[in-house]
Amino acid sequence: RKGADLIMQMHLTLSEALCGFTRVITHLDDRQIRIQVAPGDVVRPDSIRCIQGEGMPTHGNPFVKGRLFLLFKVEFPEPGSLTNAALQQLRDGLPPGEEPELTGEEEEATMGEVDISQFGSGGGGGGSNEAYDEDDEDGRGRGVQCQSM
């Protein structure tokens, strides 16, 4: 809560986020509120929508209410949980991804999942790699300059 505004986190399946949904939420005063997102109105992960007049009553005027913000968390399928047929249906139904033009000269790399807290701890032993931390010998660096047109 912040002032008269309330915030609520709502978890959606990927299917709900892409295809729409209807949900009933219980407000703090035990009222049932139906919310709907129409098919084709895609809900992006961590997006926020607002319902006017469903927040807390304002101080001194209980008939004027704040807003209810909904923060959407989209739950993706677990790796390996989709069948080949389901993957093909998704490929057929969703816009295609960008296909790069391959020359055969590219090097192949393997990606793995990582926790963002590990960012900056590379350099072999996990500590600072001073050669990459400074741009100039005096340690001040030159900064980034924008190209003028």
Protein backbone atom coordinates (compact mmCIF):
# COMPACT_ATOMS: atom_id res chain seq x y z
CA ARG A 1 0.00 0.00 0.00
CA LYS A 2 1.12 3.53 -0.71
CA GLY A 3 -1.33 6.26 0.25
CA ALA A 4 -4.76 5.17 -0.99
CA ASP A 5 -3.25 2.91 -3.68
CA LEU A 6 -2.93 -0.85 -3.25
CA ILE A 7 -0.74 -3.25 -5.19
CA MET A 8 -1.35 -6.95 -5.72
CA GLN A 9 0.84 -9.54 -7.42
CA MET A 10 -0.93 -11.98 -9.75
CA HIS A 11 0.68 -15.10 -11.19
CA LEU A 12 -0.36 -16.12 -14.71
CA THR A 13 0.46 -19.12 -16.83
CA LEU A 14 2.05 -18.38 -20.18
CA SER A 15 -1.18 -19.50 -21.82
CA GLU A 16 -3.20 -16.97 -19.78
CA ALA A 17 -0.70 -14.20 -20.56
CA LEU A 18 -0.94 -14.86 -24.30
CA CYS A 19 -4.58 -15.91 -24.70
CA GLY A 20 -6.44 -13.92 -22.06
CA PHE A 21 -8.10 -14.97 -18.82
CA THR A 22 -10.83 -14.31 -16.29
CA ARG A 23 -10.02 -14.25 -12.59
CA VAL A 24 -11.91 -13.41 -9.43
CA ILE A 25 -9.95 -11.68 -6.70
CA THR A 26 -11.05 -11.13 -3.11
CA HIS A 27 -10.66 -7.52 -2.04
CA LEU A 28 -9.63 -6.52 1.50
CA ASP A 29 -13.30 -5.87 2.31
CA ASP A 30 -14.18 -9.44 1.14
CA ARG A 31 -15.89 -8.27 -2.06
CA GLN A 32 -15.33 -10.51 -5.09
CA ILE A 33 -14.02 -8.61 -8.12
CA ARG A 34 -13.93 -10.20 -11.57
CA ILE A 35 -11.10 -9.11 -13.83
CA GLN A 36 -10.71 -10.07 -17.46
CA VAL A 37 -8.06 -9.76 -20.10
CA ALA A 38 -9.38 -10.34 -23.61
CA PRO A 39 -7.81 -12.88 -25.96
CA GLY A 40 -5.05 -11.16 -27.92
CA ASP A 41 -4.44 -8.54 -25.22
CA VAL A 42 -1.03 -9.96 -24.28
CA VAL A 43 0.09 -9.48 -20.67
CA ARG A 44 3.87 -9.08 -20.55
CA PRO A 45 5.93 -10.38 -17.61
CA ASP A 46 6.21 -7.78 -14.82
CA SER A 47 3.66 -5.49 -16.49
CA ILE A 48 1.30 -3.49 -14.30
CA ARG A 49 -2.37 -2.67 -14.85
CA CYS A 50 -4.63 -0.55 -12.71
CA ILE A 51 -8.26 -0.65 -11.56
CA GLN A 52 -9.55 2.82 -10.66
CA GLY A 53 -11.57 3.14 -7.46
CA GLU A 54 -10.58 -0.22 -5.96
CA GLY A 55 -7.86 1.03 -3.61
CA MET A 56 -8.25 2.21 -0.04
CA PRO A 57 -10.72 4.95 0.88
CA THR A 58 -9.03 8.35 1.06
CA HIS A 59 -8.61 9.96 4.46
CA GLY A 60 -11.59 12.16 5.26
CA ASN A 61 -13.68 10.96 2.29
CA PRO A 62 -14.52 7.25 2.38
CA PHE A 63 -16.40 7.45 -0.93
CA VAL A 64 -13.27 8.43 -2.88
CA LYS A 65 -10.97 5.44 -3.24
CA GLY A 66 -7.46 4.95 -4.56
CA ARG A 67 -6.38 2.54 -7.25
CA LEU A 68 -5.63 -1.18 -7.23
CA PHE A 69 -2.46 -1.96 -9.15
CA LEU A 70 -1.97 -5.50 -10.46
CA LEU A 71 1.63 -6.64 -11.03
CA PHE A 72 1.65 -9.66 -13.34
CA LYS A 73 4.19 -12.46 -12.91
CA VAL A 74 4.14 -14.83 -15.89
CA GLU A 75 5.13 -18.41 -15.14
CA PHE A 76 6.86 -20.13 -18.02
CA PRO A 77 6.81 -23.91 -18.58
CA GLU A 78 9.64 -25.91 -17.05
CA PRO A 79 12.47 -26.87 -19.45
CA GLY A 80 11.63 -30.11 -21.23
CA SER A 81 7.95 -30.03 -20.23
CA LEU A 82 6.56 -29.24 -23.70
CA THR A 83 6.09 -32.04 -26.22
CA ASN A 84 7.42 -31.73 -29.77
CA ALA A 85 3.83 -31.42 -30.99
CA ALA A 86 3.16 -28.54 -28.55
CA LEU A 87 6.39 -26.80 -29.61
CA GLN A 88 5.39 -27.12 -33.27
CA GLN A 89 1.96 -25.63 -32.52
CA LEU A 90 3.65 -22.69 -30.82
CA ARG A 91 5.99 -22.19 -33.79
CA ASP A 92 3.01 -22.29 -36.14
CA GLY A 93 0.91 -19.89 -34.05
CA LEU A 94 3.49 -17.31 -33.00
CA PRO A 95 5.44 -14.85 -35.15
CA PRO A 96 8.73 -16.36 -36.31
CA GLY A 97 12.02 -15.39 -34.72
CA GLU A 98 14.79 -13.68 -36.62
CA GLU A 99 16.95 -16.12 -38.58
CA PRO A 100 20.59 -15.03 -38.92
CA GLU A 101 22.50 -15.47 -42.15
CA LEU A 102 25.16 -18.04 -41.30
CA THR A 103 28.43 -18.15 -43.22
CA GLY A 104 29.89 -21.23 -41.55
CA GLU A 105 32.69 -19.13 -40.04
CA GLU A 106 30.91 -18.54 -36.72
CA GLU A 107 32.24 -20.01 -33.51
CA GLU A 108 29.81 -22.05 -31.44
CA ALA A 109 29.21 -21.18 -27.79
CA THR A 110 27.27 -22.95 -25.07
CA MET A 111 25.03 -20.98 -22.70
CA GLY A 112 24.00 -21.97 -19.22
CA GLU A 113 21.73 -20.42 -16.60
CA VAL A 114 23.42 -18.16 -14.06
CA ASP A 115 22.49 -15.93 -11.13
CA ILE A 116 22.93 -12.22 -11.97
CA SER A 117 24.77 -11.72 -8.67
CA GLN A 118 27.73 -13.46 -10.32
CA PHE A 119 28.08 -10.64 -12.87
CA GLY A 120 31.46 -8.93 -12.52
CA SER A 121 33.07 -11.77 -10.62
CA GLY A 122 34.64 -13.32 -13.74
CA GLY A 123 38.29 -13.21 -14.68
CA GLY A 124 39.36 -16.70 -13.75
CA GLY A 125 39.70 -16.62 -9.98
CA GLY A 126 36.44 -14.79 -9.34
CA GLY A 127 38.03 -11.54 -8.19
CA SER A 128 38.60 -8.26 -9.95
CA ASN A 129 40.50 -8.30 -13.19
CA GLU A 130 42.21 -4.91 -12.98
CA ALA A 131 43.29 -4.85 -16.62
CA TYR A 132 39.62 -4.59 -17.57
CA ASP A 133 38.56 -2.26 -14.76
CA GLU A 134 40.51 0.78 -16.00
CA ASP A 135 40.57 2.46 -19.38
CA ASP A 136 43.68 4.61 -18.99
CA GLU A 137 46.97 4.18 -17.19
CA ASP A 138 46.13 6.95 -14.72
CA GLY A 139 42.96 5.05 -13.72
CA ARG A 140 40.53 7.84 -14.59
CA GLY A 141 39.29 6.38 -17.89
CA ARG A 142 38.06 8.44 -20.79
CA GLY A 143 34.37 7.66 -20.45
CA VAL A 144 32.00 7.00 -23.29
CA GLN A 145 31.64 9.51 -26.08
CA CYS A 146 28.64 9.73 -28.39
CA GLN A 147 29.13 10.03 -32.11
CA SER A 148 28.00 13.37 -33.47
CA MET A 149 26.14 13.45 -36.75
